N, C-alpha and C. Protein backbone atom coordinates (compact mmCIF):
# COMPACT_ATOMS: atom_id res chain seq x y z
N MET A 1 0.82 -1.19 0.00
CA MET A 1 0.00 0.00 0.00
C MET A 1 0.87 1.26 0.00
N LYS A 2 1.93 1.26 0.85
CA LYS A 2 2.85 2.40 0.89
C LYS A 2 3.51 2.61 -0.46
N ARG A 3 3.92 1.51 -1.06
CA ARG A 3 4.60 1.58 -2.34
C ARG A 3 3.66 2.14 -3.41
N LEU A 4 2.41 1.74 -3.41
CA LEU A 4 1.44 2.23 -4.38
C LEU A 4 1.21 3.74 -4.21
N ALA A 5 1.14 4.18 -2.97
CA ALA A 5 0.97 5.62 -2.69
C ALA A 5 2.19 6.40 -3.19
N MET A 6 3.38 5.84 -2.97
CA MET A 6 4.61 6.51 -3.39
C MET A 6 4.68 6.59 -4.92
N ILE A 7 4.32 5.55 -5.60
CA ILE A 7 4.33 5.53 -7.06
C ILE A 7 3.30 6.52 -7.60
N SER A 8 2.14 6.57 -6.99
CA SER A 8 1.10 7.51 -7.42
C SER A 8 1.55 8.94 -7.23
N LEU A 9 2.21 9.21 -6.12
CA LEU A 9 2.70 10.55 -5.85
C LEU A 9 3.77 10.96 -6.87
N LEU A 10 4.69 10.06 -7.16
CA LEU A 10 5.73 10.35 -8.15
C LEU A 10 5.11 10.59 -9.53
N TRP A 11 4.13 9.79 -9.87
CA TRP A 11 3.48 9.94 -11.16
C TRP A 11 2.82 11.31 -11.28
N LEU A 12 2.20 11.80 -10.20
CA LEU A 12 1.56 13.11 -10.22
C LEU A 12 2.58 14.24 -10.30
N LEU A 13 3.75 14.02 -9.72
CA LEU A 13 4.75 15.08 -9.68
C LEU A 13 5.57 15.17 -10.95
N LEU A 14 5.61 14.11 -11.75
CA LEU A 14 6.38 14.14 -12.99
C LEU A 14 5.74 15.10 -13.98
N PRO A 15 6.53 15.88 -14.68
CA PRO A 15 5.95 16.79 -15.67
C PRO A 15 5.30 16.03 -16.81
N CYS A 16 4.22 16.57 -17.28
CA CYS A 16 3.47 15.93 -18.37
C CYS A 16 4.30 15.85 -19.64
N SER A 17 5.22 16.75 -19.85
CA SER A 17 5.99 16.77 -21.08
C SER A 17 6.88 15.54 -21.20
N THR A 18 7.17 14.87 -20.10
CA THR A 18 8.00 13.67 -20.15
C THR A 18 7.30 12.59 -20.95
N PHE A 19 5.98 12.54 -20.83
CA PHE A 19 5.22 11.50 -21.52
C PHE A 19 4.77 11.92 -22.91
N ALA A 20 4.88 13.17 -23.22
CA ALA A 20 4.35 13.65 -24.49
C ALA A 20 5.33 13.49 -25.64
N GLY A 21 6.54 13.15 -25.37
CA GLY A 21 7.52 12.99 -26.44
C GLY A 21 8.34 14.24 -26.63
N ASP A 22 9.30 14.17 -27.55
CA ASP A 22 10.23 15.28 -27.77
C ASP A 22 9.57 16.50 -28.40
N ASP A 23 8.48 16.32 -29.15
CA ASP A 23 7.84 17.44 -29.83
C ASP A 23 7.26 18.46 -28.86
N ALA A 24 6.81 18.04 -27.68
CA ALA A 24 6.16 18.95 -26.75
C ALA A 24 7.17 19.81 -25.99
N ARG A 25 8.37 19.33 -25.80
CA ARG A 25 9.34 20.06 -24.98
C ARG A 25 9.71 21.42 -25.57
N PRO A 26 10.05 21.54 -26.84
CA PRO A 26 10.39 22.87 -27.34
C PRO A 26 9.23 23.84 -27.25
N ALA A 27 8.00 23.37 -27.50
CA ALA A 27 6.85 24.28 -27.44
C ALA A 27 6.69 24.84 -26.04
N VAL A 28 6.83 24.00 -25.02
CA VAL A 28 6.72 24.47 -23.65
C VAL A 28 7.86 25.42 -23.35
N GLY A 29 9.06 25.07 -23.76
CA GLY A 29 10.21 25.94 -23.55
C GLY A 29 10.05 27.28 -24.24
N GLU A 30 9.51 27.26 -25.45
CA GLU A 30 9.29 28.51 -26.18
C GLU A 30 8.24 29.37 -25.48
N GLN A 31 7.18 28.73 -24.99
CA GLN A 31 6.14 29.48 -24.28
C GLN A 31 6.70 30.11 -23.01
N ILE A 32 7.48 29.35 -22.29
CA ILE A 32 8.08 29.88 -21.07
C ILE A 32 9.04 31.02 -21.42
N GLY A 33 9.83 30.84 -22.47
CA GLY A 33 10.75 31.88 -22.90
C GLY A 33 10.03 33.16 -23.28
N ARG A 34 8.93 33.02 -24.04
CA ARG A 34 8.14 34.19 -24.42
C ARG A 34 7.53 34.86 -23.20
N ALA A 35 7.06 34.04 -22.26
CA ALA A 35 6.47 34.60 -21.04
C ALA A 35 7.51 35.39 -20.25
N TRP A 36 8.72 34.84 -20.13
CA TRP A 36 9.78 35.55 -19.40
C TRP A 36 10.17 36.83 -20.14
N ASP A 37 10.21 36.78 -21.47
CA ASP A 37 10.50 37.98 -22.24
C ASP A 37 9.46 39.07 -21.97
N GLU A 38 8.20 38.64 -21.95
CA GLU A 38 7.10 39.58 -21.70
C GLU A 38 7.21 40.17 -20.29
N VAL A 39 7.50 39.33 -19.30
CA VAL A 39 7.67 39.81 -17.93
C VAL A 39 8.83 40.81 -17.88
N GLY A 40 9.91 40.48 -18.56
CA GLY A 40 11.06 41.38 -18.61
C GLY A 40 10.71 42.73 -19.22
N ARG A 41 9.96 42.71 -20.32
CA ARG A 41 9.54 43.96 -20.96
C ARG A 41 8.66 44.78 -20.01
N GLU A 42 7.74 44.11 -19.33
CA GLU A 42 6.85 44.82 -18.41
C GLU A 42 7.65 45.48 -17.29
N PHE A 43 8.64 44.75 -16.74
CA PHE A 43 9.46 45.34 -15.68
C PHE A 43 10.29 46.50 -16.20
N ARG A 44 10.85 46.36 -17.41
CA ARG A 44 11.62 47.47 -17.98
C ARG A 44 10.74 48.70 -18.16
N ASP A 45 9.51 48.48 -18.65
CA ASP A 45 8.59 49.60 -18.81
C ASP A 45 8.26 50.24 -17.47
N LEU A 46 7.97 49.40 -16.49
CA LEU A 46 7.63 49.90 -15.16
C LEU A 46 8.78 50.69 -14.56
N PHE A 47 9.98 50.12 -14.59
CA PHE A 47 11.13 50.82 -14.03
C PHE A 47 11.49 52.05 -14.85
N GLY A 48 11.23 52.01 -16.15
CA GLY A 48 11.45 53.20 -16.97
C GLY A 48 10.54 54.34 -16.54
N HIS A 49 9.25 54.00 -16.27
CA HIS A 49 8.33 55.03 -15.80
C HIS A 49 8.76 55.56 -14.44
N TRP A 50 9.19 54.67 -13.53
CA TRP A 50 9.66 55.10 -12.21
C TRP A 50 10.89 55.99 -12.35
N ARG A 51 11.82 55.57 -13.20
CA ARG A 51 13.04 56.35 -13.39
C ARG A 51 12.70 57.74 -13.91
N GLN A 52 11.78 57.81 -14.87
CA GLN A 52 11.38 59.11 -15.41
C GLN A 52 10.74 59.97 -14.33
N TYR A 53 9.90 59.34 -13.50
CA TYR A 53 9.18 60.09 -12.48
C TYR A 53 10.13 60.62 -11.41
N PHE A 54 11.05 59.78 -10.95
CA PHE A 54 11.90 60.17 -9.84
C PHE A 54 13.19 60.87 -10.24
N SER A 55 13.57 60.80 -11.51
CA SER A 55 14.86 61.38 -11.87
C SER A 55 14.75 62.64 -12.71
N THR A 56 13.58 63.25 -12.77
CA THR A 56 13.47 64.47 -13.55
C THR A 56 14.25 65.58 -12.87
N SER A 57 14.80 66.44 -13.67
CA SER A 57 15.57 67.54 -13.11
C SER A 57 14.63 68.53 -12.43
N GLN A 58 15.21 69.44 -11.66
CA GLN A 58 14.40 70.39 -10.91
C GLN A 58 13.51 71.22 -11.83
N GLU A 59 14.01 71.57 -13.02
CA GLU A 59 13.22 72.37 -13.93
C GLU A 59 11.99 71.61 -14.42
N GLU A 60 12.04 70.27 -14.38
CA GLU A 60 10.95 69.48 -14.93
C GLU A 60 10.01 68.93 -13.87
N ARG A 61 10.27 69.20 -12.61
CA ARG A 61 9.37 68.72 -11.56
C ARG A 61 8.04 69.43 -11.69
N PRO A 62 7.02 68.91 -11.03
CA PRO A 62 5.68 69.52 -11.15
C PRO A 62 5.63 70.87 -10.43
N LEU A 63 6.31 71.83 -10.99
CA LEU A 63 6.40 73.15 -10.38
C LEU A 63 5.05 73.84 -10.28
N ILE A 64 4.20 73.63 -11.26
CA ILE A 64 2.90 74.29 -11.24
C ILE A 64 2.09 73.79 -10.04
N SER A 65 2.15 72.49 -9.78
CA SER A 65 1.46 71.95 -8.61
C SER A 65 2.08 72.48 -7.32
N THR A 66 3.40 72.64 -7.31
CA THR A 66 4.07 73.19 -6.14
C THR A 66 3.62 74.64 -5.92
N MET A 67 3.53 75.40 -7.02
CA MET A 67 3.07 76.79 -6.90
C MET A 67 1.67 76.84 -6.31
N LEU A 68 0.81 75.97 -6.81
CA LEU A 68 -0.58 75.97 -6.33
C LEU A 68 -0.68 75.49 -4.88
N ARG A 69 0.13 74.53 -4.53
CA ARG A 69 0.12 74.00 -3.17
C ARG A 69 0.56 75.07 -2.16
N HIS A 70 1.45 75.95 -2.60
CA HIS A 70 1.98 77.01 -1.72
C HIS A 70 1.46 78.39 -2.13
N ARG A 71 0.25 78.44 -2.60
CA ARG A 71 -0.33 79.71 -3.11
C ARG A 71 -0.32 80.80 -2.05
N ASP A 72 -0.57 80.43 -0.79
CA ASP A 72 -0.59 81.44 0.26
C ASP A 72 0.81 82.00 0.53
N ARG A 73 1.80 81.12 0.60
CA ARG A 73 3.17 81.57 0.85
C ARG A 73 3.69 82.42 -0.31
N LEU A 74 3.26 82.07 -1.52
CA LEU A 74 3.70 82.85 -2.69
C LEU A 74 2.86 84.11 -2.90
N GLY A 75 1.70 84.16 -2.25
CA GLY A 75 0.82 85.32 -2.41
C GLY A 75 0.18 85.39 -3.79
N LEU A 76 -0.29 84.24 -4.29
CA LEU A 76 -0.90 84.21 -5.63
C LEU A 76 -2.27 84.86 -5.62
N SER A 77 -2.56 85.61 -6.66
CA SER A 77 -3.88 86.23 -6.81
C SER A 77 -4.85 85.17 -7.35
N PRO A 78 -6.16 85.43 -7.24
CA PRO A 78 -7.13 84.48 -7.80
C PRO A 78 -6.93 84.25 -9.31
N ASP A 79 -6.56 85.29 -10.04
CA ASP A 79 -6.31 85.13 -11.48
C ASP A 79 -5.10 84.22 -11.73
N GLN A 80 -4.06 84.42 -10.93
CA GLN A 80 -2.87 83.57 -11.09
C GLN A 80 -3.22 82.11 -10.80
N VAL A 81 -3.99 81.88 -9.74
CA VAL A 81 -4.39 80.51 -9.39
C VAL A 81 -5.20 79.91 -10.53
N LYS A 82 -6.13 80.67 -11.07
CA LYS A 82 -6.98 80.19 -12.18
C LYS A 82 -6.11 79.83 -13.39
N ASN A 83 -5.18 80.71 -13.75
CA ASN A 83 -4.31 80.45 -14.90
C ASN A 83 -3.41 79.24 -14.67
N LEU A 84 -2.87 79.11 -13.47
CA LEU A 84 -1.99 77.96 -13.17
C LEU A 84 -2.79 76.66 -13.18
N GLU A 85 -3.99 76.70 -12.64
CA GLU A 85 -4.83 75.49 -12.67
C GLU A 85 -5.16 75.09 -14.10
N GLN A 86 -5.43 76.09 -14.96
CA GLN A 86 -5.72 75.81 -16.37
C GLN A 86 -4.50 75.21 -17.07
N LEU A 87 -3.32 75.76 -16.80
CA LEU A 87 -2.08 75.21 -17.37
C LEU A 87 -1.89 73.76 -16.94
N ARG A 88 -2.10 73.50 -15.65
CA ARG A 88 -1.92 72.14 -15.14
C ARG A 88 -2.92 71.18 -15.79
N THR A 89 -4.17 71.60 -15.90
CA THR A 89 -5.19 70.75 -16.52
C THR A 89 -4.85 70.47 -17.98
N ASP A 90 -4.46 71.49 -18.71
CA ASP A 90 -4.10 71.31 -20.12
C ASP A 90 -2.92 70.35 -20.26
N PHE A 91 -1.93 70.50 -19.38
CA PHE A 91 -0.78 69.61 -19.46
C PHE A 91 -1.16 68.17 -19.09
N GLU A 92 -2.02 68.00 -18.10
CA GLU A 92 -2.46 66.66 -17.73
C GLU A 92 -3.17 65.97 -18.90
N LYS A 93 -4.00 66.72 -19.61
CA LYS A 93 -4.68 66.16 -20.79
C LYS A 93 -3.66 65.76 -21.85
N ALA A 94 -2.70 66.65 -22.10
CA ALA A 94 -1.66 66.34 -23.09
C ALA A 94 -0.84 65.14 -22.64
N SER A 95 -0.58 65.05 -21.36
CA SER A 95 0.19 63.93 -20.81
C SER A 95 -0.51 62.59 -21.08
N ILE A 96 -1.82 62.58 -20.91
CA ILE A 96 -2.60 61.36 -21.17
C ILE A 96 -2.49 60.98 -22.65
N ARG A 97 -2.56 61.98 -23.52
CA ARG A 97 -2.45 61.71 -24.96
C ARG A 97 -1.06 61.17 -25.32
N TYR A 98 -0.02 61.81 -24.79
CA TYR A 98 1.35 61.35 -25.06
C TYR A 98 1.55 59.93 -24.56
N ASP A 99 1.06 59.66 -23.35
CA ASP A 99 1.21 58.32 -22.79
C ASP A 99 0.51 57.28 -23.65
N ALA A 100 -0.70 57.59 -24.11
CA ALA A 100 -1.43 56.67 -24.98
C ALA A 100 -0.69 56.45 -26.30
N ASP A 101 -0.19 57.53 -26.88
CA ASP A 101 0.57 57.42 -28.13
C ASP A 101 1.81 56.55 -27.94
N LEU A 102 2.50 56.74 -26.82
CA LEU A 102 3.70 55.93 -26.55
C LEU A 102 3.36 54.46 -26.38
N ARG A 103 2.31 54.18 -25.65
CA ARG A 103 1.91 52.79 -25.43
C ARG A 103 1.54 52.11 -26.74
N ILE A 104 0.81 52.82 -27.59
CA ILE A 104 0.42 52.26 -28.89
C ILE A 104 1.65 52.02 -29.75
N ALA A 105 2.55 52.99 -29.77
CA ALA A 105 3.77 52.84 -30.57
C ALA A 105 4.62 51.68 -30.05
N GLU A 106 4.69 51.51 -28.74
CA GLU A 106 5.44 50.38 -28.17
C GLU A 106 4.79 49.05 -28.56
N MET A 107 3.46 49.01 -28.60
CA MET A 107 2.77 47.79 -29.04
C MET A 107 3.07 47.51 -30.51
N ASP A 108 3.06 48.56 -31.33
CA ASP A 108 3.39 48.41 -32.74
C ASP A 108 4.81 47.89 -32.92
N LEU A 109 5.74 48.43 -32.13
CA LEU A 109 7.13 47.98 -32.20
C LEU A 109 7.23 46.50 -31.81
N LYS A 110 6.51 46.13 -30.77
CA LYS A 110 6.52 44.73 -30.33
C LYS A 110 6.04 43.82 -31.46
N THR A 111 4.99 44.24 -32.14
CA THR A 111 4.46 43.46 -33.26
C THR A 111 5.50 43.34 -34.38
N LEU A 112 6.16 44.45 -34.67
CA LEU A 112 7.20 44.42 -35.71
C LEU A 112 8.34 43.46 -35.34
N LEU A 113 8.71 43.46 -34.07
CA LEU A 113 9.83 42.62 -33.63
C LEU A 113 9.46 41.14 -33.54
N GLU A 114 8.18 40.84 -33.43
CA GLU A 114 7.74 39.45 -33.33
C GLU A 114 7.51 38.82 -34.70
N ALA A 115 7.62 39.59 -35.77
CA ALA A 115 7.42 39.06 -37.12
C ALA A 115 8.52 38.03 -37.43
N PRO A 116 8.18 37.03 -38.23
CA PRO A 116 9.19 36.02 -38.59
C PRO A 116 10.42 36.64 -39.25
N ALA A 117 10.19 37.62 -40.11
CA ALA A 117 11.30 38.34 -40.75
C ALA A 117 11.16 39.81 -40.35
N VAL A 118 12.04 40.26 -39.48
CA VAL A 118 11.97 41.63 -38.96
C VAL A 118 12.42 42.62 -40.04
N ASP A 119 11.58 43.60 -40.32
CA ASP A 119 11.90 44.66 -41.27
C ASP A 119 12.60 45.78 -40.50
N LEU A 120 13.91 45.84 -40.60
CA LEU A 120 14.69 46.79 -39.82
C LEU A 120 14.35 48.24 -40.14
N ASN A 121 13.97 48.53 -41.36
CA ASN A 121 13.59 49.90 -41.71
C ASN A 121 12.34 50.33 -40.95
N LYS A 122 11.35 49.44 -40.88
CA LYS A 122 10.13 49.75 -40.13
C LYS A 122 10.41 49.84 -38.64
N VAL A 123 11.28 48.96 -38.13
CA VAL A 123 11.64 48.99 -36.71
C VAL A 123 12.34 50.31 -36.39
N GLU A 124 13.28 50.70 -37.25
CA GLU A 124 14.00 51.95 -37.02
C GLU A 124 13.05 53.14 -37.02
N ALA A 125 12.13 53.16 -37.96
CA ALA A 125 11.16 54.26 -38.04
C ALA A 125 10.29 54.31 -36.78
N LYS A 126 9.89 53.14 -36.30
CA LYS A 126 9.04 53.09 -35.10
C LYS A 126 9.80 53.54 -33.86
N VAL A 127 11.06 53.11 -33.73
CA VAL A 127 11.87 53.53 -32.59
C VAL A 127 12.08 55.04 -32.62
N ARG A 128 12.33 55.58 -33.80
CA ARG A 128 12.50 57.04 -33.92
C ARG A 128 11.19 57.77 -33.58
N GLU A 129 10.07 57.20 -33.98
CA GLU A 129 8.77 57.79 -33.64
C GLU A 129 8.57 57.80 -32.12
N ILE A 130 8.91 56.70 -31.48
CA ILE A 130 8.77 56.60 -30.02
C ILE A 130 9.63 57.65 -29.33
N GLU A 131 10.87 57.76 -29.75
CA GLU A 131 11.77 58.72 -29.11
C GLU A 131 11.37 60.16 -29.42
N ARG A 132 10.84 60.41 -30.59
CA ARG A 132 10.36 61.75 -30.95
C ARG A 132 9.15 62.10 -30.05
N THR A 133 8.28 61.14 -29.81
CA THR A 133 7.13 61.38 -28.94
C THR A 133 7.59 61.67 -27.51
N ARG A 134 8.58 60.93 -27.03
CA ARG A 134 9.13 61.20 -25.69
C ARG A 134 9.73 62.60 -25.62
N ALA A 135 10.46 62.99 -26.65
CA ALA A 135 11.06 64.32 -26.68
C ALA A 135 9.98 65.40 -26.72
N ASP A 136 8.94 65.19 -27.52
CA ASP A 136 7.84 66.14 -27.60
C ASP A 136 7.16 66.30 -26.24
N PHE A 137 6.99 65.19 -25.54
CA PHE A 137 6.37 65.24 -24.22
C PHE A 137 7.24 66.02 -23.24
N ARG A 138 8.52 65.77 -23.28
CA ARG A 138 9.44 66.48 -22.38
C ARG A 138 9.43 67.98 -22.67
N LEU A 139 9.43 68.34 -23.94
CA LEU A 139 9.37 69.76 -24.30
C LEU A 139 8.04 70.39 -23.89
N ALA A 140 6.95 69.64 -24.01
CA ALA A 140 5.64 70.16 -23.58
C ALA A 140 5.64 70.43 -22.08
N ARG A 141 6.29 69.56 -21.32
CA ARG A 141 6.39 69.75 -19.88
C ARG A 141 7.19 71.03 -19.57
N ILE A 142 8.30 71.19 -20.25
CA ILE A 142 9.14 72.37 -20.02
C ILE A 142 8.38 73.64 -20.41
N ARG A 143 7.66 73.60 -21.54
CA ARG A 143 6.88 74.78 -21.95
C ARG A 143 5.81 75.12 -20.91
N ALA A 144 5.13 74.10 -20.39
CA ALA A 144 4.09 74.34 -19.38
C ALA A 144 4.69 74.96 -18.13
N ILE A 145 5.84 74.48 -17.71
CA ILE A 145 6.50 75.04 -16.53
C ILE A 145 6.90 76.49 -16.77
N GLU A 146 7.45 76.76 -17.94
CA GLU A 146 7.86 78.13 -18.25
C GLU A 146 6.65 79.07 -18.30
N LYS A 147 5.55 78.59 -18.86
CA LYS A 147 4.33 79.41 -18.87
C LYS A 147 3.84 79.66 -17.44
N GLY A 148 4.01 78.64 -16.59
CA GLY A 148 3.64 78.80 -15.18
C GLY A 148 4.51 79.83 -14.49
N LYS A 149 5.80 79.79 -14.77
CA LYS A 149 6.71 80.78 -14.17
C LYS A 149 6.38 82.19 -14.63
N GLU A 150 5.94 82.32 -15.89
CA GLU A 150 5.57 83.63 -16.42
C GLU A 150 4.40 84.25 -15.67
N GLN A 151 3.61 83.42 -15.01
CA GLN A 151 2.47 83.92 -14.25
C GLN A 151 2.90 84.62 -12.96
N LEU A 152 4.13 84.36 -12.52
CA LEU A 152 4.61 84.90 -11.25
C LEU A 152 5.35 86.22 -11.43
N SER A 153 5.26 87.04 -10.42
CA SER A 153 6.06 88.28 -10.39
C SER A 153 7.48 87.90 -10.00
N ALA A 154 8.39 88.86 -10.12
CA ALA A 154 9.79 88.60 -9.75
C ALA A 154 9.90 88.20 -8.28
N GLU A 155 9.14 88.87 -7.43
CA GLU A 155 9.17 88.55 -5.99
C GLU A 155 8.63 87.14 -5.74
N GLN A 156 7.57 86.78 -6.43
CA GLN A 156 7.00 85.44 -6.26
C GLN A 156 7.97 84.37 -6.75
N ARG A 157 8.69 84.65 -7.83
CA ARG A 157 9.69 83.69 -8.33
C ARG A 157 10.80 83.49 -7.31
N LYS A 158 11.20 84.58 -6.67
CA LYS A 158 12.23 84.48 -5.64
C LYS A 158 11.73 83.61 -4.48
N LYS A 159 10.48 83.83 -4.04
CA LYS A 159 9.90 83.02 -2.96
C LYS A 159 9.82 81.55 -3.38
N LEU A 160 9.48 81.32 -4.65
CA LEU A 160 9.41 79.95 -5.15
C LEU A 160 10.78 79.27 -5.08
N GLN A 161 11.81 79.99 -5.48
CA GLN A 161 13.17 79.43 -5.41
C GLN A 161 13.54 79.10 -3.96
N GLU A 162 13.18 79.96 -3.03
CA GLU A 162 13.44 79.70 -1.62
C GLU A 162 12.69 78.45 -1.16
N LEU A 163 11.43 78.36 -1.58
CA LEU A 163 10.62 77.18 -1.25
C LEU A 163 11.24 75.90 -1.78
N LEU A 164 11.70 75.95 -3.02
CA LEU A 164 12.31 74.77 -3.63
C LEU A 164 13.59 74.41 -2.91
N GLY A 165 14.35 75.39 -2.48
CA GLY A 165 15.56 75.13 -1.71
C GLY A 165 15.24 74.48 -0.39
N GLU A 166 14.18 74.96 0.29
CA GLU A 166 13.76 74.37 1.57
C GLU A 166 13.34 72.92 1.38
N SER A 167 12.54 72.66 0.35
CA SER A 167 12.06 71.30 0.13
C SER A 167 13.21 70.37 -0.23
N ARG A 168 14.20 70.88 -0.93
CA ARG A 168 15.36 70.06 -1.28
C ARG A 168 16.13 69.69 -0.03
N LEU A 169 16.32 70.67 0.86
CA LEU A 169 17.01 70.39 2.12
C LEU A 169 16.22 69.40 2.97
N THR A 170 14.92 69.52 2.97
CA THR A 170 14.07 68.60 3.72
C THR A 170 14.22 67.18 3.20
N ARG A 171 14.29 67.02 1.87
CA ARG A 171 14.46 65.68 1.30
C ARG A 171 15.83 65.11 1.59
N LEU A 172 16.85 65.98 1.63
CA LEU A 172 18.21 65.51 1.88
C LEU A 172 18.47 65.25 3.36
N GLN A 173 17.74 65.91 4.24
CA GLN A 173 18.00 65.82 5.66
C GLN A 173 17.98 64.38 6.19
N PRO A 174 16.98 63.54 5.87
CA PRO A 174 17.02 62.16 6.39
C PRO A 174 18.27 61.42 5.95
N ARG A 175 18.79 61.70 4.75
CA ARG A 175 20.01 61.05 4.30
C ARG A 175 21.19 61.50 5.13
N LEU A 176 21.22 62.78 5.49
CA LEU A 176 22.34 63.31 6.24
C LEU A 176 22.35 62.80 7.68
N GLU A 177 21.19 62.45 8.22
CA GLU A 177 21.11 61.98 9.60
C GLU A 177 21.52 60.53 9.76
N ARG A 178 21.67 59.80 8.70
CA ARG A 178 22.01 58.38 8.80
C ARG A 178 23.40 58.18 9.29
């Protein structure tokens, strides 16, 4: 009885591909390989988004949101607040469009790369399109920030710089205390 239970257990634990013959092994291996490739791409995309979010330079940080968050300290007028909110809303809409365009272009590139015979000219064009879209998005962000800065008086810009310096020191302080 013990022996029968042991044999049954071993039979259940053996991979099915052992009994299916040599033809099934490459297909399973290919599927696993494709799955790992897909997981790798997803992680690269995720970390790419994180890297973009956390490594933007000071000029590219969400300054308009910072201005609005500190409206009292900066002494923003109701018109300035309205204009800054409109700039932020417009940029958020554009950001959604850029992100959608990038995702679609990345899907198109993936399709091109999965073709049995990869057309390098089409791949090159798609990669250039993707990078051009990223550059356009970055420039749109910089333009929105500059338009936001234009809303401030010279005194308000000075206060903003002081605020940014304070927040930078606050972020660095925990590192310095270690």
